[in-house]
Protein backbone atom coordinates (compact mmCIF):
# COMPACT_ATOMS: atom_id res chain seq x y z
CA UNK A 1 0.00 0.00 0.00
CA UNK A 2 1.26 3.49 -0.86
CA UNK A 3 0.35 6.38 1.41
CA UNK A 4 0.49 9.84 -0.21
CA UNK A 5 1.16 12.74 2.14
CA UNK A 6 -0.06 16.33 1.61
CA UNK A 7 3.50 17.54 0.96
CA UNK A 8 3.81 15.17 -2.04
CA UNK A 9 5.94 12.55 -0.31
CA UNK A 10 4.86 8.93 -0.35
CA UNK A 11 5.41 6.01 1.98
CA UNK A 12 5.21 2.33 0.99
CA UNK A 13 3.89 -0.17 3.54
CA UNK A 14 4.20 -3.71 2.14
CA UNK A 15 2.54 -5.26 5.20
CA UNK A 16 -0.74 -3.33 5.03
CA UNK A 17 -3.53 -4.82 2.90
CA UNK A 18 -5.61 -2.65 0.60
CA UNK A 19 -9.19 -3.09 -0.65
CA UNK A 20 -9.77 -5.27 -3.72
CA UNK A 21 -9.47 -3.22 -6.93
CA UNK A 22 -11.70 -4.13 -9.92
CA UNK A 23 -10.88 -3.06 -13.49
CA UNK A 24 -13.25 -3.23 -16.48
CA UNK A 25 -12.26 -2.05 -19.94
CA UNK A 26 -12.37 -2.58 -23.69
CA UNK A 27 -9.74 -2.67 -26.45
CA UNK A 28 -9.90 -0.22 -29.34
CA UNK A 29 -10.54 -1.72 -32.79
CA UNK A 30 -6.83 -1.55 -33.61
CA UNK A 31 -6.00 -3.00 -30.15
CA UNK A 32 -3.58 -0.14 -29.46
CA UNK A 33 -5.29 1.10 -26.31
CA UNK A 34 -7.64 0.06 -23.56
CA UNK A 35 -10.14 2.39 -21.90
CA UNK A 36 -12.25 1.59 -18.93
CA UNK A 37 -13.20 2.10 -15.32
CA UNK A 38 -11.82 1.01 -11.98
CA UNK A 39 -13.43 0.77 -8.55
CA UNK A 40 -12.73 -0.62 -5.14
CA UNK A 41 -14.88 -3.57 -4.12
CA UNK A 42 -17.50 -2.56 -1.58
CA UNK A 43 -16.72 -3.64 1.95
CA UNK A 44 -18.73 -3.94 5.11
CA UNK A 45 -18.08 -1.35 7.82
CA UNK A 46 -19.92 -0.64 11.03
CA UNK A 47 -21.00 2.99 11.55
CA UNK A 48 -20.93 4.04 15.19
CA UNK A 49 -19.73 0.54 15.96
CA UNK A 50 -22.96 -1.34 15.24
CA UNK A 51 -24.83 -0.08 12.12
CA UNK A 52 -23.65 -2.17 9.13
CA UNK A 53 -23.01 -0.31 5.84
CA UNK A 54 -21.43 -1.32 2.52
CA UNK A 55 -19.04 1.37 1.26
CA UNK A 56 -16.71 1.83 -1.68
CA UNK A 57 -13.61 3.94 -1.16
CA UNK A 58 -13.28 5.21 -4.74
CA UNK A 59 -13.65 4.82 -8.48
CA UNK A 60 -12.40 6.37 -11.70
CA UNK A 61 -11.44 5.89 -15.33
CA UNK A 62 -8.22 4.83 -17.05
CA UNK A 63 -6.55 4.66 -20.47
CA UNK A 64 -3.66 2.34 -21.33
CA UNK A 65 -1.78 2.94 -24.60
CA UNK A 66 0.51 0.47 -26.36
CA UNK A 67 3.67 2.36 -27.30
CA UNK A 68 5.34 -0.05 -29.70
PDB file of N, CA and C in Angstrom:
ATOM      1  N   UNK A   1       0.844  -1.164   0.000  1.00  0.00           N
ATOM      2  CA  UNK A   1       0.000   0.000   0.000  1.00  0.00           C
ATOM      3  C   UNK A   1       0.892   1.229   0.000  1.00  0.00           C
ATOM      4  N   UNK A   2       0.524   2.226  -0.809  1.00  0.00           N
ATOM      5  CA  UNK A   2       1.257   3.487  -0.864  1.00  0.00           C
ATOM      6  C   UNK A   2       0.415   4.557  -0.195  1.00  0.00           C
ATOM      7  N   UNK A   3       1.029   5.289   0.711  1.00  0.00           N
ATOM      8  CA  UNK A   3       0.349   6.379   1.412  1.00  0.00           C
ATOM      9  C   UNK A   3       0.917   7.688   0.877  1.00  0.00           C
ATOM     10  N   UNK A   4       0.060   8.548   0.299  1.00  0.00           N
ATOM     11  CA  UNK A   4       0.488   9.843  -0.211  1.00  0.00           C
ATOM     12  C   UNK A   4       0.244  10.896   0.852  1.00  0.00           C
ATOM     13  N   UNK A   5       1.273  11.685   1.135  1.00  0.00           N
ATOM     14  CA  UNK A   5       1.158  12.743   2.138  1.00  0.00           C
ATOM     15  C   UNK A   5       0.839  14.059   1.444  1.00  0.00           C
ATOM     16  N   UNK A   6       0.333  15.034   2.180  1.00  0.00           N
ATOM     17  CA  UNK A   6      -0.056  16.330   1.610  1.00  0.00           C
ATOM     18  C   UNK A   6       1.125  17.073   0.998  1.00  0.00           C
ATOM     19  N   UNK A   7       2.319  16.846   1.490  1.00  0.00           N
ATOM     20  CA  UNK A   7       3.497  17.541   0.959  1.00  0.00           C
ATOM     21  C   UNK A   7       4.060  16.871  -0.297  1.00  0.00           C
ATOM     22  N   UNK A   8       3.390  15.833  -0.815  1.00  0.00           N
ATOM     23  CA  UNK A   8       3.810  15.167  -2.037  1.00  0.00           C
ATOM     24  C   UNK A   8       4.670  13.939  -1.813  1.00  0.00           C
ATOM     25  N   UNK A   9       5.148  13.738  -0.599  1.00  0.00           N
ATOM     26  CA  UNK A   9       5.939  12.547  -0.310  1.00  0.00           C
ATOM     27  C   UNK A   9       5.036  11.322  -0.254  1.00  0.00           C
ATOM     28  N   UNK A  10       5.636  10.158  -0.454  1.00  0.00           N
ATOM     29  CA  UNK A  10       4.864   8.927  -0.347  1.00  0.00           C
ATOM     30  C   UNK A  10       5.615   7.917   0.514  1.00  0.00           C
ATOM     31  N   UNK A  11       4.866   7.036   1.105  1.00  0.00           N
ATOM     32  CA  UNK A  11       5.409   6.006   1.979  1.00  0.00           C
ATOM     33  C   UNK A  11       4.818   4.666   1.555  1.00  0.00           C
ATOM     34  N   UNK A  12       5.664   3.654   1.397  1.00  0.00           N
ATOM     35  CA  UNK A  12       5.206   2.330   0.991  1.00  0.00           C
ATOM     36  C   UNK A  12       5.188   1.407   2.207  1.00  0.00           C
ATOM     37  N   UNK A  13       4.044   0.782   2.440  1.00  0.00           N
ATOM     38  CA  UNK A  13       3.887  -0.175   3.536  1.00  0.00           C
ATOM     39  C   UNK A  13       3.489  -1.513   2.915  1.00  0.00           C
ATOM     40  N   UNK A  14       4.449  -2.431   2.790  1.00  0.00           N
ATOM     41  CA  UNK A  14       4.200  -3.714   2.142  1.00  0.00           C
ATOM     42  C   UNK A  14       3.396  -4.671   3.013  1.00  0.00           C
ATOM     43  N   UNK A  15       3.255  -4.379   4.298  1.00  0.00           N
ATOM     44  CA  UNK A  15       2.536  -5.262   5.202  1.00  0.00           C
ATOM     45  C   UNK A  15       1.062  -4.927   5.329  1.00  0.00           C
ATOM     46  N   UNK A  16       0.644  -3.757   4.876  1.00  0.00           N
ATOM     47  CA  UNK A  16      -0.743  -3.332   5.027  1.00  0.00           C
ATOM     48  C   UNK A  16      -1.542  -3.740   3.792  1.00  0.00           C
ATOM     49  N   UNK A  17      -2.680  -4.409   4.008  1.00  0.00           N
ATOM     50  CA  UNK A  17      -3.530  -4.824   2.900  1.00  0.00           C
ATOM     51  C   UNK A  17      -4.382  -3.652   2.428  1.00  0.00           C
ATOM     52  N   UNK A  18      -4.750  -3.676   1.160  1.00  0.00           N
ATOM     53  CA  UNK A  18      -5.613  -2.646   0.601  1.00  0.00           C
ATOM     54  C   UNK A  18      -6.896  -3.300   0.101  1.00  0.00           C
ATOM     55  N   UNK A  19      -7.946  -2.519  -0.120  1.00  0.00           N
ATOM     56  CA  UNK A  19      -9.191  -3.090  -0.646  1.00  0.00           C
ATOM     57  C   UNK A  19      -8.977  -3.704  -2.036  1.00  0.00           C
ATOM     58  N   UNK A  20      -9.827  -4.640  -2.409  1.00  0.00           N
ATOM     59  CA  UNK A  20      -9.766  -5.273  -3.722  1.00  0.00           C
ATOM     60  C   UNK A  20     -10.099  -4.232  -4.784  1.00  0.00           C
ATOM     61  N   UNK A  21      -9.288  -4.166  -5.843  1.00  0.00           N
ATOM     62  CA  UNK A  21      -9.470  -3.215  -6.932  1.00  0.00           C
ATOM     63  C   UNK A  21      -9.978  -3.958  -8.160  1.00  0.00           C
ATOM     64  N   UNK A  22     -11.069  -3.472  -8.764  1.00  0.00           N
ATOM     65  CA  UNK A  22     -11.701  -4.129  -9.915  1.00  0.00           C
ATOM     66  C   UNK A  22     -11.575  -3.228 -11.141  1.00  0.00           C
ATOM     67  N   UNK A  23     -11.020  -3.783 -12.230  1.00  0.00           N
ATOM     68  CA  UNK A  23     -10.876  -3.060 -13.489  1.00  0.00           C
ATOM     69  C   UNK A  23     -11.832  -3.651 -14.516  1.00  0.00           C
ATOM     70  N   UNK A  24     -12.449  -2.795 -15.342  1.00  0.00           N
ATOM     71  CA  UNK A  24     -13.248  -3.229 -16.484  1.00  0.00           C
ATOM     72  C   UNK A  24     -12.911  -2.313 -17.638  1.00  0.00           C
ATOM     73  N   UNK A  25     -12.630  -2.886 -18.815  1.00  0.00           N
ATOM     74  CA  UNK A  25     -12.263  -2.049 -19.945  1.00  0.00           C
ATOM     75  C   UNK A  25     -12.442  -2.773 -21.265  1.00  0.00           C
ATOM     76  N   UNK A  26     -12.246  -2.018 -22.347  1.00  0.00           N
ATOM     77  CA  UNK A  26     -12.370  -2.578 -23.692  1.00  0.00           C
ATOM     78  C   UNK A  26     -11.189  -2.120 -24.547  1.00  0.00           C
ATOM     79  N   UNK A  27     -10.777  -3.002 -25.471  1.00  0.00           N
ATOM     80  CA  UNK A  27      -9.739  -2.666 -26.447  1.00  0.00           C
ATOM     81  C   UNK A  27     -10.325  -1.812 -27.558  1.00  0.00           C
ATOM     82  N   UNK A  28      -9.498  -0.944 -28.129  1.00  0.00           N
ATOM     83  CA  UNK A  28      -9.897  -0.222 -29.335  1.00  0.00           C
ATOM     84  C   UNK A  28      -9.904  -1.215 -30.497  1.00  0.00           C
ATOM     85  N   UNK A  29     -10.478  -0.813 -31.628  1.00  0.00           N
ATOM     86  CA  UNK A  29     -10.537  -1.717 -32.792  1.00  0.00           C
ATOM     87  C   UNK A  29      -9.148  -2.133 -33.252  1.00  0.00           C
ATOM     88  N   UNK A  30      -8.200  -1.232 -33.187  1.00  0.00           N
ATOM     89  CA  UNK A  30      -6.832  -1.551 -33.609  1.00  0.00           C
ATOM     90  C   UNK A  30      -6.024  -2.204 -32.490  1.00  0.00           C
ATOM     91  N   UNK A  31      -6.631  -2.395 -31.328  1.00  0.00           N
ATOM     92  CA  UNK A  31      -5.999  -3.001 -30.155  1.00  0.00           C
ATOM     93  C   UNK A  31      -4.726  -2.269 -29.732  1.00  0.00           C
ATOM     94  N   UNK A  32      -4.729  -0.935 -29.883  1.00  0.00           N
ATOM     95  CA  UNK A  32      -3.576  -0.141 -29.457  1.00  0.00           C
ATOM     96  C   UNK A  32      -3.807   0.547 -28.121  1.00  0.00           C
ATOM     97  N   UNK A  33      -5.052   0.553 -27.644  1.00  0.00           N
ATOM     98  CA  UNK A  33      -5.291   1.104 -26.315  1.00  0.00           C
ATOM     99  C   UNK A  33      -6.486   0.424 -25.663  1.00  0.00           C
ATOM    100  N   UNK A  34      -6.540   0.587 -24.364  1.00  0.00           N
ATOM    101  CA  UNK A  34      -7.638   0.055 -23.555  1.00  0.00           C
ATOM    102  C   UNK A  34      -8.192   1.224 -22.750  1.00  0.00           C
ATOM    103  N   UNK A  35      -9.503   1.383 -22.745  1.00  0.00           N
ATOM    104  CA  UNK A  35     -10.142   2.394 -21.905  1.00  0.00           C
ATOM    105  C   UNK A  35     -11.145   1.688 -21.003  1.00  0.00           C
ATOM    106  N   UNK A  36     -11.314   2.233 -19.825  1.00  0.00           N
ATOM    107  CA  UNK A  36     -12.252   1.587 -18.930  1.00  0.00           C
ATOM    108  C   UNK A  36     -12.417   2.305 -17.611  1.00  0.00           C
ATOM    109  N   UNK A  37     -12.946   1.562 -16.647  1.00  0.00           N
ATOM    110  CA  UNK A  37     -13.201   2.102 -15.324  1.00  0.00           C
ATOM    111  C   UNK A  37     -12.557   1.213 -14.271  1.00  0.00           C
ATOM    112  N   UNK A  38     -12.312   1.774 -13.118  1.00  0.00           N
ATOM    113  CA  UNK A  38     -11.825   1.014 -11.980  1.00  0.00           C
ATOM    114  C   UNK A  38     -12.651   1.406 -10.764  1.00  0.00           C
ATOM    115  N   UNK A  39     -12.728   0.486  -9.800  1.00  0.00           N
ATOM    116  CA  UNK A  39     -13.429   0.775  -8.552  1.00  0.00           C
ATOM    117  C   UNK A  39     -12.925  -0.179  -7.481  1.00  0.00           C
ATOM    118  N   UNK A  40     -13.042   0.264  -6.252  1.00  0.00           N
ATOM    119  CA  UNK A  40     -12.730  -0.618  -5.144  1.00  0.00           C
ATOM    120  C   UNK A  40     -13.971  -1.437  -4.821  1.00  0.00           C
ATOM    121  N   UNK A  41     -13.772  -2.706  -4.518  1.00  0.00           N
ATOM    122  CA  UNK A  41     -14.879  -3.566  -4.123  1.00  0.00           C
ATOM    123  C   UNK A  41     -15.494  -3.018  -2.841  1.00  0.00           C
ATOM    124  N   UNK A  42     -16.824  -3.039  -2.781  1.00  0.00           N
ATOM    125  CA  UNK A  42     -17.501  -2.562  -1.580  1.00  0.00           C
ATOM    126  C   UNK A  42     -17.145  -3.461  -0.409  1.00  0.00           C
ATOM    127  N   UNK A  43     -17.027  -2.855   0.755  1.00  0.00           N
ATOM    128  CA  UNK A  43     -16.720  -3.636   1.945  1.00  0.00           C
ATOM    129  C   UNK A  43     -17.663  -3.247   3.074  1.00  0.00           C
ATOM    130  N   UNK A  44     -17.821  -4.135   3.991  1.00  0.00           N
ATOM    131  CA  UNK A  44     -18.727  -3.941   5.110  1.00  0.00           C
ATOM    132  C   UNK A  44     -18.009  -3.205   6.236  1.00  0.00           C
ATOM    133  N   UNK A  45     -18.592  -2.074   6.659  1.00  0.00           N
ATOM    134  CA  UNK A  45     -18.078  -1.347   7.821  1.00  0.00           C
ATOM    135  C   UNK A  45     -19.237  -1.136   8.795  1.00  0.00           C
ATOM    136  N   UNK A  46     -18.891  -0.845  10.013  1.00  0.00           N
ATOM    137  CA  UNK A  46     -19.922  -0.636  11.028  1.00  0.00           C
ATOM    138  C   UNK A  46     -19.857   0.814  11.505  1.00  0.00           C
ATOM    139  N   UNK A  47     -20.908   1.594  11.163  1.00  0.00           N
ATOM    140  CA  UNK A  47     -21.005   2.994  11.551  1.00  0.00           C
ATOM    141  C   UNK A  47     -21.411   3.073  13.019  1.00  0.00           C
ATOM    142  N   UNK A  48     -20.712   3.901  13.750  1.00  0.00           N
ATOM    143  CA  UNK A  48     -20.935   4.043  15.194  1.00  0.00           C
ATOM    144  C   UNK A  48     -20.802   2.704  15.925  1.00  0.00           C
ATOM    145  N   UNK A  49     -20.032   1.788  15.305  1.00  0.00           N
ATOM    146  CA  UNK A  49     -19.735   0.535  15.963  1.00  0.00           C
ATOM    147  C   UNK A  49     -20.754  -0.572  15.811  1.00  0.00           C
ATOM    148  N   UNK A  50     -21.966  -0.262  15.311  1.00  0.00           N
ATOM    149  CA  UNK A  50     -22.955  -1.338  15.235  1.00  0.00           C
ATOM    150  C   UNK A  50     -23.915  -1.256  14.047  1.00  0.00           C
ATOM    151  N   UNK A  51     -23.929  -0.186  13.275  1.00  0.00           N
ATOM    152  CA  UNK A  51     -24.833  -0.082  12.125  1.00  0.00           C
ATOM    153  C   UNK A  51     -24.060  -0.524  10.877  1.00  0.00           C
ATOM    154  N   UNK A  52     -24.410  -1.685  10.279  1.00  0.00           N
ATOM    155  CA  UNK A  52     -23.654  -2.174   9.126  1.00  0.00           C
ATOM    156  C   UNK A  52     -23.957  -1.359   7.864  1.00  0.00           C
ATOM    157  N   UNK A  53     -22.880  -1.050   7.102  1.00  0.00           N
ATOM    158  CA  UNK A  53     -23.008  -0.315   5.840  1.00  0.00           C
ATOM    159  C   UNK A  53     -21.994  -0.877   4.851  1.00  0.00           C
ATOM    160  N   UNK A  54     -22.381  -0.972   3.572  1.00  0.00           N
ATOM    161  CA  UNK A  54     -21.431  -1.322   2.524  1.00  0.00           C
ATOM    162  C   UNK A  54     -20.939  -0.023   1.895  1.00  0.00           C
ATOM    163  N   UNK A  55     -19.613   0.152   1.827  1.00  0.00           N
ATOM    164  CA  UNK A  55     -19.041   1.371   1.263  1.00  0.00           C
ATOM    165  C   UNK A  55     -17.966   1.022   0.241  1.00  0.00           C
ATOM    166  N   UNK A  56     -17.790   1.924  -0.710  1.00  0.00           N
ATOM    167  CA  UNK A  56     -16.710   1.830  -1.679  1.00  0.00           C
ATOM    168  C   UNK A  56     -15.826   3.047  -1.475  1.00  0.00           C
ATOM    169  N   UNK A  57     -14.514   2.845  -1.469  1.00  0.00           N
ATOM    170  CA  UNK A  57     -13.608   3.942  -1.161  1.00  0.00           C
ATOM    171  C   UNK A  57     -13.157   4.729  -2.384  1.00  0.00           C
ATOM    172  N   UNK A  58     -13.656   4.415  -3.578  1.00  0.00           N
ATOM    173  CA  UNK A  58     -13.277   5.209  -4.736  1.00  0.00           C
ATOM    174  C   UNK A  58     -13.553   4.520  -6.049  1.00  0.00           C
ATOM    175  N   UNK A  59     -13.505   5.329  -7.116  1.00  0.00           N
ATOM    176  CA  UNK A  59     -13.653   4.820  -8.477  1.00  0.00           C
ATOM    177  C   UNK A  59     -13.096   5.852  -9.448  1.00  0.00           C
ATOM    178  N   UNK A  60     -12.940   5.453 -10.706  1.00  0.00           N
ATOM    179  CA  UNK A  60     -12.403   6.373 -11.699  1.00  0.00           C
ATOM    180  C   UNK A  60     -12.323   5.724 -13.066  1.00  0.00           C
ATOM    181  N   UNK A  61     -11.618   6.398 -13.976  1.00  0.00           N
ATOM    182  CA  UNK A  61     -11.442   5.892 -15.335  1.00  0.00           C
ATOM    183  C   UNK A  61      -9.954   5.761 -15.622  1.00  0.00           C
ATOM    184  N   UNK A  62      -9.619   4.983 -16.667  1.00  0.00           N
ATOM    185  CA  UNK A  62      -8.218   4.832 -17.053  1.00  0.00           C
ATOM    186  C   UNK A  62      -8.114   4.648 -18.558  1.00  0.00           C
ATOM    187  N   UNK A  63      -6.909   4.923 -19.072  1.00  0.00           N
ATOM    188  CA  UNK A  63      -6.554   4.660 -20.473  1.00  0.00           C
ATOM    189  C   UNK A  63      -5.153   4.063 -20.466  1.00  0.00           C
ATOM    190  N   UNK A  64      -4.978   2.930 -21.147  1.00  0.00           N
ATOM    191  CA  UNK A  64      -3.656   2.339 -21.326  1.00  0.00           C
ATOM    192  C   UNK A  64      -3.366   2.353 -22.827  1.00  0.00           C
ATOM    193  N   UNK A  65      -2.161   2.812 -23.200  1.00  0.00           N
ATOM    194  CA  UNK A  65      -1.783   2.944 -24.604  1.00  0.00           C
ATOM    195  C   UNK A  65      -0.560   2.098 -24.882  1.00  0.00           C
ATOM    196  N   UNK A  66      -0.627   1.287 -25.935  1.00  0.00           N
ATOM    197  CA  UNK A  66       0.512   0.468 -26.355  1.00  0.00           C
ATOM    198  C   UNK A  66       1.471   1.364 -27.134  1.00  0.00           C
ATOM    199  N   UNK A  67       2.713   1.453 -26.695  1.00  0.00           N
ATOM    200  CA  UNK A  67       3.670   2.363 -27.301  1.00  0.00           C
ATOM    201  C   UNK A  67       4.400   1.791 -28.507  1.00  0.00           C
ATOM    202  N   UNK A  68       4.574   0.493 -28.572  1.00  0.00           N
ATOM    203  CA  UNK A  68       5.338  -0.051 -29.704  1.00  0.00           C
ATOM    204  C   UNK A  68       4.447  -0.768 -30.684  1.00  0.00           C
TER     205      UNK A  68
END
